[in-house]
Amino acid sequence: MENFVNNIDYKKVVSLKNLAEIKNNSISALSLVDRKSLAMKIISADKGVEIPTHTSTGDVLVTVIEGKSEITVDSNKFEVSKEESILIPANAPHSLKAIEAFKVLVIQVKSE
């Protein structure tokens, strides 16, 4: 049977924040889904670390599952805390900076 979601056990209650670990002065990512039209990953970053400005060919939903991030979208800055989300439109330049060490769930949806 093909797994559509990786790195999570079936039929088991999990806390997403426990699937990824924050590493000193770095960024790490755990891929859950990586398909042509859908990608899901948990990204973690230590306090002060920044994911530089980039774009995505799909819409991106970022949900903070631990910590706090400053997310810049089209030069507009948003402070996003635990249990909050922001939807970033396709092709919009965006970056993330860890105000506190954070873990985020990133869901990217593209056209088929």
N, C-alpha and C. Protein backbone atom coordinates (compact mmCIF):
# COMPACT_ATOMS: atom_id res chain seq x y z
N MET A 1 0.83 -1.18 0.00
CA MET A 1 0.00 0.00 0.00
C MET A 1 0.88 1.25 0.00
N GLU A 2 0.57 2.18 -0.86
CA GLU A 2 1.34 3.42 -0.95
C GLU A 2 0.93 4.37 0.17
N ASN A 3 1.93 4.97 0.81
CA ASN A 3 1.66 5.99 1.81
C ASN A 3 1.53 7.34 1.12
N PHE A 4 0.46 8.05 1.40
CA PHE A 4 0.28 9.39 0.84
C PHE A 4 0.90 10.44 1.76
N VAL A 5 0.99 10.12 3.05
CA VAL A 5 1.60 11.01 4.03
C VAL A 5 2.76 10.24 4.68
N ASN A 6 3.92 10.87 4.72
CA ASN A 6 5.11 10.24 5.28
C ASN A 6 5.45 10.82 6.65
N ASN A 7 6.26 10.08 7.38
CA ASN A 7 6.82 10.52 8.67
C ASN A 7 5.78 10.69 9.78
N ILE A 8 4.59 10.14 9.59
CA ILE A 8 3.57 10.08 10.64
C ILE A 8 2.98 8.67 10.60
N ASP A 9 2.82 8.08 11.76
CA ASP A 9 2.24 6.73 11.82
C ASP A 9 0.73 6.80 11.64
N TYR A 10 0.20 5.82 10.93
CA TYR A 10 -1.25 5.70 10.77
C TYR A 10 -1.89 5.31 12.11
N LYS A 11 -3.13 5.76 12.30
CA LYS A 11 -3.96 5.37 13.44
C LYS A 11 -3.27 5.61 14.78
N LYS A 12 -2.57 6.74 14.87
CA LYS A 12 -1.87 7.09 16.10
C LYS A 12 -2.02 8.59 16.31
N VAL A 13 -2.41 9.01 17.48
CA VAL A 13 -2.52 10.43 17.79
C VAL A 13 -1.11 10.99 17.97
N VAL A 14 -0.83 12.08 17.26
CA VAL A 14 0.50 12.69 17.35
C VAL A 14 0.38 14.19 17.57
N SER A 15 1.41 14.75 18.13
CA SER A 15 1.54 16.20 18.24
C SER A 15 2.55 16.61 17.18
N LEU A 16 2.11 17.42 16.22
CA LEU A 16 2.99 17.79 15.11
C LEU A 16 4.28 18.43 15.60
N LYS A 17 4.20 19.21 16.68
CA LYS A 17 5.41 19.89 17.16
C LYS A 17 6.46 18.90 17.65
N ASN A 18 6.04 17.68 18.00
CA ASN A 18 7.00 16.68 18.47
C ASN A 18 7.66 15.92 17.32
N LEU A 19 7.23 16.15 16.09
CA LEU A 19 7.82 15.45 14.94
C LEU A 19 9.11 16.10 14.47
N ALA A 20 9.29 17.37 14.79
CA ALA A 20 10.48 18.10 14.35
C ALA A 20 11.21 18.65 15.55
N GLU A 21 12.51 18.83 15.39
CA GLU A 21 13.29 19.36 16.49
C GLU A 21 13.96 20.65 16.06
N ILE A 22 14.09 21.57 16.99
CA ILE A 22 14.76 22.84 16.71
C ILE A 22 16.25 22.63 16.96
N LYS A 23 17.05 22.96 15.95
CA LYS A 23 18.50 22.78 16.04
C LYS A 23 19.16 24.15 16.21
N ASN A 24 20.21 24.20 16.99
CA ASN A 24 20.91 25.46 17.26
C ASN A 24 21.30 26.20 15.99
N ASN A 25 20.89 27.47 15.92
CA ASN A 25 21.28 28.38 14.83
C ASN A 25 21.01 27.84 13.44
N SER A 26 19.95 27.06 13.28
CA SER A 26 19.69 26.51 11.95
C SER A 26 18.20 26.33 11.66
N ILE A 27 17.95 25.92 10.44
CA ILE A 27 16.61 25.63 9.94
C ILE A 27 16.59 24.15 9.57
N SER A 28 15.49 23.47 9.88
CA SER A 28 15.35 22.09 9.42
C SER A 28 13.93 21.87 8.93
N ALA A 29 13.76 20.86 8.10
CA ALA A 29 12.44 20.57 7.53
C ALA A 29 12.19 19.07 7.52
N LEU A 30 10.94 18.72 7.81
CA LEU A 30 10.48 17.34 7.75
C LEU A 30 9.34 17.28 6.74
N SER A 31 9.53 16.56 5.66
CA SER A 31 8.52 16.46 4.61
C SER A 31 7.45 15.44 4.99
N LEU A 32 6.19 15.85 4.89
CA LEU A 32 5.07 14.95 5.13
C LEU A 32 4.44 14.51 3.82
N VAL A 33 4.31 15.45 2.88
CA VAL A 33 3.76 15.17 1.55
C VAL A 33 4.58 15.96 0.53
N ASP A 34 4.95 15.30 -0.56
CA ASP A 34 5.69 15.99 -1.62
C ASP A 34 5.17 15.49 -2.97
N ARG A 35 4.15 16.17 -3.47
CA ARG A 35 3.53 15.81 -4.73
C ARG A 35 3.50 17.02 -5.65
N LYS A 36 3.17 16.81 -6.90
CA LYS A 36 3.16 17.91 -7.87
C LYS A 36 2.24 19.06 -7.43
N SER A 37 1.07 18.75 -6.91
CA SER A 37 0.10 19.80 -6.57
C SER A 37 -0.02 20.06 -5.07
N LEU A 38 0.68 19.29 -4.24
CA LEU A 38 0.56 19.46 -2.79
C LEU A 38 1.87 19.11 -2.10
N ALA A 39 2.31 20.02 -1.24
CA ALA A 39 3.47 19.75 -0.39
C ALA A 39 3.09 20.14 1.03
N MET A 40 3.48 19.30 1.97
CA MET A 40 3.27 19.60 3.39
C MET A 40 4.57 19.29 4.11
N LYS A 41 5.02 20.24 4.93
CA LYS A 41 6.22 19.98 5.71
C LYS A 41 6.17 20.74 7.01
N ILE A 42 6.93 20.27 7.95
CA ILE A 42 7.12 20.97 9.21
C ILE A 42 8.52 21.57 9.15
N ILE A 43 8.58 22.88 9.32
CA ILE A 43 9.86 23.58 9.29
C ILE A 43 10.11 24.14 10.68
N SER A 44 11.33 23.99 11.15
CA SER A 44 11.70 24.56 12.44
C SER A 44 12.91 25.48 12.26
N ALA A 45 12.96 26.51 13.12
CA ALA A 45 14.08 27.45 13.06
C ALA A 45 14.39 27.94 14.47
N ASP A 46 15.66 28.08 14.75
CA ASP A 46 16.08 28.59 16.05
C ASP A 46 15.86 30.10 16.10
N LYS A 47 15.76 30.64 17.30
CA LYS A 47 15.53 32.07 17.50
C LYS A 47 16.57 32.90 16.73
N GLY A 48 16.06 33.91 16.01
CA GLY A 48 16.92 34.80 15.25
C GLY A 48 17.27 34.33 13.85
N VAL A 49 17.00 33.08 13.55
CA VAL A 49 17.31 32.53 12.22
C VAL A 49 16.23 32.98 11.24
N GLU A 50 16.62 33.24 10.01
CA GLU A 50 15.68 33.72 8.99
C GLU A 50 15.70 32.82 7.76
N ILE A 51 14.52 32.55 7.25
CA ILE A 51 14.38 31.90 5.94
C ILE A 51 14.30 33.05 4.95
N PRO A 52 15.28 33.19 4.07
CA PRO A 52 15.33 34.37 3.19
C PRO A 52 14.14 34.48 2.24
N THR A 53 13.99 35.66 1.68
CA THR A 53 12.89 35.94 0.75
C THR A 53 12.94 34.98 -0.43
N HIS A 54 11.78 34.43 -0.73
CA HIS A 54 11.63 33.50 -1.86
C HIS A 54 10.18 33.57 -2.32
N THR A 55 9.86 32.85 -3.38
CA THR A 55 8.48 32.78 -3.87
C THR A 55 8.09 31.33 -4.03
N SER A 56 6.79 31.12 -4.22
CA SER A 56 6.25 29.78 -4.44
C SER A 56 5.28 29.85 -5.60
N THR A 57 5.24 28.81 -6.40
CA THR A 57 4.32 28.78 -7.53
C THR A 57 2.90 28.41 -7.12
N GLY A 58 2.70 28.14 -5.84
CA GLY A 58 1.36 27.83 -5.32
C GLY A 58 1.05 28.67 -4.10
N ASP A 59 -0.21 28.63 -3.67
CA ASP A 59 -0.60 29.28 -2.42
C ASP A 59 0.05 28.51 -1.27
N VAL A 60 0.43 29.24 -0.22
CA VAL A 60 1.09 28.62 0.92
C VAL A 60 0.37 29.02 2.21
N LEU A 61 -0.07 28.02 2.96
CA LEU A 61 -0.66 28.25 4.27
C LEU A 61 0.39 27.91 5.31
N VAL A 62 0.76 28.89 6.13
CA VAL A 62 1.75 28.69 7.19
C VAL A 62 1.02 28.76 8.53
N THR A 63 1.11 27.70 9.32
CA THR A 63 0.51 27.65 10.65
C THR A 63 1.62 27.43 11.67
N VAL A 64 1.70 28.34 12.63
CA VAL A 64 2.71 28.21 13.68
C VAL A 64 2.21 27.19 14.71
N ILE A 65 3.01 26.16 14.95
CA ILE A 65 2.62 25.14 15.92
C ILE A 65 3.42 25.27 17.23
N GLU A 66 4.46 26.09 17.19
CA GLU A 66 5.23 26.38 18.40
C GLU A 66 6.05 27.64 18.14
N GLY A 67 6.13 28.53 19.12
CA GLY A 67 6.96 29.71 19.01
C GLY A 67 6.28 30.89 18.35
N LYS A 68 7.11 31.76 17.75
CA LYS A 68 6.59 32.99 17.14
C LYS A 68 7.48 33.38 15.97
N SER A 69 6.85 33.79 14.87
CA SER A 69 7.58 34.15 13.66
C SER A 69 7.14 35.50 13.12
N GLU A 70 8.09 36.21 12.55
CA GLU A 70 7.74 37.40 11.77
C GLU A 70 7.76 36.96 10.31
N ILE A 71 6.60 37.03 9.68
CA ILE A 71 6.47 36.60 8.29
C ILE A 71 6.24 37.84 7.45
N THR A 72 7.11 38.04 6.47
CA THR A 72 7.00 39.18 5.58
C THR A 72 6.45 38.70 4.25
N VAL A 73 5.36 39.33 3.80
CA VAL A 73 4.73 39.00 2.52
C VAL A 73 4.58 40.30 1.74
N ASP A 74 5.18 40.37 0.56
CA ASP A 74 5.12 41.60 -0.25
C ASP A 74 5.47 42.83 0.58
N SER A 75 6.53 42.77 1.35
CA SER A 75 7.04 43.87 2.18
C SER A 75 6.15 44.20 3.38
N ASN A 76 5.06 43.46 3.61
CA ASN A 76 4.21 43.65 4.79
C ASN A 76 4.62 42.64 5.85
N LYS A 77 4.88 43.13 7.07
CA LYS A 77 5.32 42.25 8.15
C LYS A 77 4.14 41.84 9.04
N PHE A 78 4.10 40.54 9.37
CA PHE A 78 3.06 39.98 10.22
C PHE A 78 3.72 39.18 11.33
N GLU A 79 3.29 39.39 12.57
CA GLU A 79 3.76 38.58 13.68
C GLU A 79 2.76 37.45 13.85
N VAL A 80 3.24 36.22 13.70
CA VAL A 80 2.36 35.05 13.74
C VAL A 80 2.81 34.15 14.88
N SER A 81 1.90 33.89 15.81
CA SER A 81 2.21 33.12 17.01
C SER A 81 1.56 31.74 16.96
N LYS A 82 1.87 30.94 17.98
CA LYS A 82 1.33 29.59 18.11
C LYS A 82 -0.18 29.57 17.87
N GLU A 83 -0.61 28.62 17.05
CA GLU A 83 -2.01 28.38 16.68
C GLU A 83 -2.59 29.44 15.76
N GLU A 84 -1.73 30.29 15.17
CA GLU A 84 -2.18 31.27 14.18
C GLU A 84 -1.62 30.88 12.82
N SER A 85 -2.32 31.33 11.77
CA SER A 85 -1.93 31.00 10.41
C SER A 85 -1.97 32.23 9.53
N ILE A 86 -1.25 32.15 8.41
CA ILE A 86 -1.32 33.18 7.38
C ILE A 86 -1.30 32.48 6.03
N LEU A 87 -2.11 32.97 5.10
CA LEU A 87 -2.16 32.43 3.75
C LEU A 87 -1.38 33.36 2.83
N ILE A 88 -0.38 32.81 2.17
CA ILE A 88 0.48 33.58 1.27
C ILE A 88 0.10 33.22 -0.16
N PRO A 89 -0.24 34.24 -0.97
CA PRO A 89 -0.64 33.93 -2.34
C PRO A 89 0.54 33.47 -3.21
N ALA A 90 0.22 32.70 -4.22
CA ALA A 90 1.23 32.22 -5.16
C ALA A 90 2.03 33.40 -5.72
N ASN A 91 3.32 33.19 -5.89
CA ASN A 91 4.26 34.13 -6.50
C ASN A 91 4.54 35.38 -5.66
N ALA A 92 4.01 35.46 -4.44
CA ALA A 92 4.30 36.61 -3.58
C ALA A 92 5.64 36.38 -2.88
N PRO A 93 6.54 37.36 -2.95
CA PRO A 93 7.80 37.22 -2.21
C PRO A 93 7.52 37.18 -0.71
N HIS A 94 8.15 36.25 -0.01
CA HIS A 94 7.93 36.13 1.42
C HIS A 94 9.16 35.56 2.12
N SER A 95 9.26 35.87 3.43
CA SER A 95 10.35 35.36 4.25
C SER A 95 9.81 35.12 5.66
N LEU A 96 10.56 34.34 6.44
CA LEU A 96 10.17 34.06 7.82
C LEU A 96 11.38 34.30 8.71
N LYS A 97 11.16 34.97 9.83
CA LYS A 97 12.22 35.19 10.81
C LYS A 97 11.72 34.72 12.17
N ALA A 98 12.56 33.97 12.87
CA ALA A 98 12.18 33.42 14.17
C ALA A 98 12.34 34.48 15.26
N ILE A 99 11.22 35.06 15.70
CA ILE A 99 11.23 35.96 16.86
C ILE A 99 11.55 35.12 18.09
N GLU A 100 10.90 33.96 18.18
CA GLU A 100 11.22 32.90 19.13
C GLU A 100 11.50 31.68 18.27
N ALA A 101 12.23 30.72 18.82
CA ALA A 101 12.40 29.48 18.08
C ALA A 101 11.02 28.98 17.69
N PHE A 102 10.86 28.54 16.44
CA PHE A 102 9.52 28.14 16.01
C PHE A 102 9.51 26.84 15.25
N LYS A 103 8.28 26.28 15.19
CA LYS A 103 7.96 25.16 14.32
C LYS A 103 6.68 25.56 13.60
N VAL A 104 6.68 25.40 12.28
CA VAL A 104 5.50 25.76 11.49
C VAL A 104 5.12 24.58 10.60
N LEU A 105 3.83 24.45 10.37
CA LEU A 105 3.32 23.52 9.38
C LEU A 105 3.08 24.33 8.12
N VAL A 106 3.71 23.93 7.03
CA VAL A 106 3.59 24.63 5.76
C VAL A 106 2.85 23.72 4.78
N ILE A 107 1.74 24.24 4.24
CA ILE A 107 0.97 23.50 3.23
C ILE A 107 0.97 24.34 1.96
N GLN A 108 1.53 23.78 0.91
CA GLN A 108 1.60 24.48 -0.38
C GLN A 108 0.71 23.75 -1.38
N VAL A 109 -0.19 24.51 -2.01
CA VAL A 109 -1.12 23.94 -2.97
C VAL A 109 -0.88 24.59 -4.32
N LYS A 110 -0.64 23.75 -5.34
CA LYS A 110 -0.38 24.22 -6.70
C LYS A 110 -1.44 23.65 -7.65
N SER A 111 -1.48 24.19 -8.84
CA SER A 111 -2.38 23.63 -9.85
C SER A 111 -1.90 22.26 -10.27
N GLU A 112 -2.83 21.46 -10.77
CA GLU A 112 -2.48 20.10 -11.23
C GLU A 112 -1.59 20.26 -12.39
